[in-house]
Amino acid sequence: MALIEGMTSQGKPAPVLVQQLPGTDYATLRAQGWLGLDWLEEKWYVDPAPYKRVITPAKSEPELCYHYHKPDGVNALTGTHLPELQAWIRVSDLRPVVVRIGRKLLEFQRLPDPTEPPPMTAGQAAKLMDLKDQNARMEKLRERNKRLRRE
């Protein structure tokens, strides 16, 4: 997840939380934990619909999306009110564009892939060296066992 500079629906600058996770199909969207998409089911699918982004910087044209809509209701077990849910999933790559949970609007934006791996902390580097040492010791044991079997 990352915070990027975006705009509110009133046009004021505001930080926007962006989540970047792999996922290319409906099942993966649910499995990967995309925020606000755990309710997606085929029965809530409405139709393909264009969606023009409101908050995050984007193309000036609307994006063609699959539109899902789950009306508000009441949880049968707890009696609590469940807000209306809507989602727009981009047709071209099946990535979420927007989720509306009640009055809350979540827009998703794909960030560019990093050009290099993040730096390791000292603790991570030490663990990596330990793993390399363990692998080297295991390889020596395998070679020794092979040699003993041949003798």
Protein backbone atom coordinates (compact mmCIF):
# COMPACT_ATOMS: atom_id res chain seq x y z
CA MET A 1 0.00 0.00 0.00
CA ALA A 2 1.09 3.54 -0.61
CA LEU A 3 -0.21 7.04 -0.10
CA ILE A 4 -0.24 9.18 -3.20
CA GLU A 5 -1.39 12.72 -3.76
CA GLY A 6 -4.98 12.74 -5.00
CA MET A 7 -8.10 14.88 -4.90
CA THR A 8 -11.31 14.72 -2.91
CA SER A 9 -14.65 14.64 -4.73
CA GLN A 10 -14.84 18.38 -3.97
CA GLY A 11 -11.57 18.93 -5.88
CA LYS A 12 -9.35 19.55 -2.83
CA PRO A 13 -5.88 17.92 -2.66
CA ALA A 14 -5.78 14.91 -0.33
CA PRO A 15 -3.60 11.84 0.22
CA VAL A 16 -5.11 8.67 -1.23
CA LEU A 17 -4.32 5.17 0.03
CA VAL A 18 -3.41 2.94 -2.90
CA GLN A 19 -3.05 -0.81 -2.73
CA GLN A 20 -0.89 -2.65 -5.25
CA LEU A 21 -1.32 -6.40 -5.25
CA PRO A 22 -1.09 -9.02 -7.98
CA GLY A 23 -4.38 -10.35 -9.28
CA THR A 24 -5.83 -10.92 -12.69
CA ASP A 25 -9.18 -12.58 -12.18
CA TYR A 26 -12.24 -12.48 -9.97
CA ALA A 27 -11.09 -15.35 -7.73
CA THR A 28 -7.65 -13.78 -7.29
CA LEU A 29 -9.18 -10.41 -6.42
CA ARG A 30 -10.99 -12.02 -3.48
CA ALA A 31 -8.12 -14.28 -2.46
CA GLN A 32 -5.49 -11.53 -2.47
CA GLY A 33 -7.42 -9.41 0.02
CA TRP A 34 -8.20 -6.35 -2.10
CA LEU A 35 -9.72 -3.91 0.35
CA GLY A 36 -13.52 -3.90 0.17
CA LEU A 37 -13.92 -6.74 -2.37
CA ASP A 38 -14.56 -9.71 -0.09
CA TRP A 39 -18.30 -9.56 -0.88
CA LEU A 40 -17.99 -9.99 -4.67
CA GLU A 41 -20.20 -12.73 -6.02
CA GLU A 42 -21.70 -13.43 -9.41
CA LYS A 43 -25.22 -12.72 -8.12
CA TRP A 44 -24.28 -9.05 -7.48
CA TYR A 45 -23.05 -8.48 -11.05
CA VAL A 46 -25.08 -5.80 -12.86
CA ASP A 47 -23.53 -5.13 -16.27
CA PRO A 48 -20.56 -3.54 -18.01
CA ALA A 49 -20.55 0.19 -17.32
CA PRO A 50 -18.18 3.10 -17.95
CA TYR A 51 -16.64 4.66 -14.85
CA LYS A 52 -14.81 7.99 -14.70
CA ARG A 53 -12.46 8.33 -11.73
CA VAL A 54 -13.26 10.99 -9.15
CA ILE A 55 -10.33 11.08 -6.72
CA THR A 56 -7.09 9.71 -8.14
CA PRO A 57 -5.42 11.26 -11.17
CA ALA A 58 -6.44 9.30 -14.23
CA LYS A 59 -7.31 9.39 -17.90
CA SER A 60 -9.92 11.92 -18.93
CA GLU A 61 -12.08 9.19 -20.53
CA PRO A 62 -14.22 6.77 -18.51
CA GLU A 63 -12.90 3.22 -18.13
CA LEU A 64 -15.10 0.28 -19.17
CA CYS A 65 -15.75 -1.77 -16.03
CA TYR A 66 -17.80 -4.68 -14.78
CA HIS A 67 -20.25 -3.17 -12.29
CA TYR A 68 -21.30 -5.05 -9.13
CA HIS A 69 -23.99 -3.81 -6.75
CA LYS A 70 -25.13 -5.25 -3.42
CA PRO A 71 -28.03 -3.35 -1.81
CA ASP A 72 -27.91 -2.41 1.85
CA GLY A 73 -29.51 -4.79 4.32
CA VAL A 74 -29.40 -6.25 7.81
CA ASN A 75 -27.10 -9.00 9.08
CA ALA A 76 -29.41 -11.88 10.02
CA LEU A 77 -27.12 -13.06 12.84
CA THR A 78 -26.29 -9.76 14.53
CA GLY A 79 -29.09 -7.47 13.38
CA THR A 80 -26.59 -4.80 12.36
CA HIS A 81 -27.10 -2.63 9.30
CA LEU A 82 -24.99 -3.52 6.25
CA PRO A 83 -24.20 -0.62 3.91
CA GLU A 84 -24.81 -0.63 0.17
CA LEU A 85 -21.76 -1.95 -1.73
CA GLN A 86 -20.68 -1.23 -5.29
CA ALA A 87 -17.57 -2.17 -7.24
CA TRP A 88 -16.25 -1.37 -10.69
CA ILE A 89 -13.67 -3.86 -12.04
CA ARG A 90 -11.78 -2.82 -15.20
CA VAL A 91 -12.72 -5.08 -18.13
CA SER A 92 -9.28 -4.96 -19.80
CA ASP A 93 -7.23 -6.43 -16.92
CA LEU A 94 -9.80 -7.33 -14.22
CA ARG A 95 -8.23 -5.00 -11.65
CA PRO A 96 -10.44 -3.02 -9.29
CA VAL A 97 -11.02 0.62 -10.21
CA VAL A 98 -13.46 1.74 -7.51
CA VAL A 99 -15.27 0.31 -4.49
CA ARG A 100 -18.06 2.21 -2.77
CA ILE A 101 -18.94 1.06 0.75
CA GLY A 102 -21.92 3.10 1.87
CA ARG A 103 -20.75 6.68 1.40
CA LYS A 104 -17.02 5.77 1.43
CA LEU A 105 -15.31 5.72 -1.97
CA LEU A 106 -12.09 3.73 -2.49
CA GLU A 107 -10.25 4.21 -5.79
CA PHE A 108 -7.45 1.88 -6.84
CA GLN A 109 -4.46 2.88 -8.94
CA ARG A 110 -1.67 0.66 -10.31
CA LEU A 111 1.74 1.93 -9.28
CA PRO A 112 4.78 1.26 -11.47
CA ASP A 113 6.81 -1.79 -10.51
CA PRO A 114 9.92 -0.94 -8.49
CA THR A 115 13.13 -0.66 -10.50
CA GLU A 116 15.22 -2.32 -7.79
CA PRO A 117 14.55 -4.38 -4.66
CA PRO A 118 14.10 -2.51 -1.39
CA PRO A 119 17.21 -2.28 0.82
CA MET A 120 17.65 -4.92 3.51
CA THR A 121 17.84 -4.07 7.17
CA ALA A 122 20.83 -5.32 9.17
CA GLY A 123 18.64 -8.01 10.75
CA GLN A 124 17.42 -9.23 7.36
CA ALA A 125 20.99 -9.32 6.00
CA ALA A 126 22.12 -11.35 9.04
CA LYS A 127 19.27 -13.86 8.53
CA LEU A 128 20.15 -14.17 4.85
CA MET A 129 23.79 -14.91 5.74
CA ASP A 130 22.62 -17.54 8.28
CA LEU A 131 20.49 -19.21 5.58
CA LYS A 132 23.39 -19.21 3.14
CA ASP A 133 25.65 -20.78 5.81
CA GLN A 134 23.02 -23.44 6.58
CA ASN A 135 22.66 -24.25 2.88
CA ALA A 136 26.44 -24.54 2.50
CA ARG A 137 26.65 -26.90 5.52
CA MET A 138 23.77 -29.02 4.15
CA GLU A 139 25.47 -29.26 0.76
CA LYS A 140 28.72 -30.42 2.43
CA LEU A 141 26.74 -33.07 4.35
CA ARG A 142 25.10 -34.28 1.13
CA GLU A 143 28.48 -34.56 -0.59
CA ARG A 144 29.93 -36.41 2.41
CA ASN A 145 26.96 -38.83 2.45
CA LYS A 146 27.33 -39.48 -1.30
CA ARG A 147 31.04 -40.19 -0.81
CA LEU A 148 30.37 -42.55 2.13
CA ARG A 149 27.75 -44.48 0.13
CA ARG A 150 30.21 -45.03 -2.70
CA GLU A 151 32.84 -46.44 -0.30
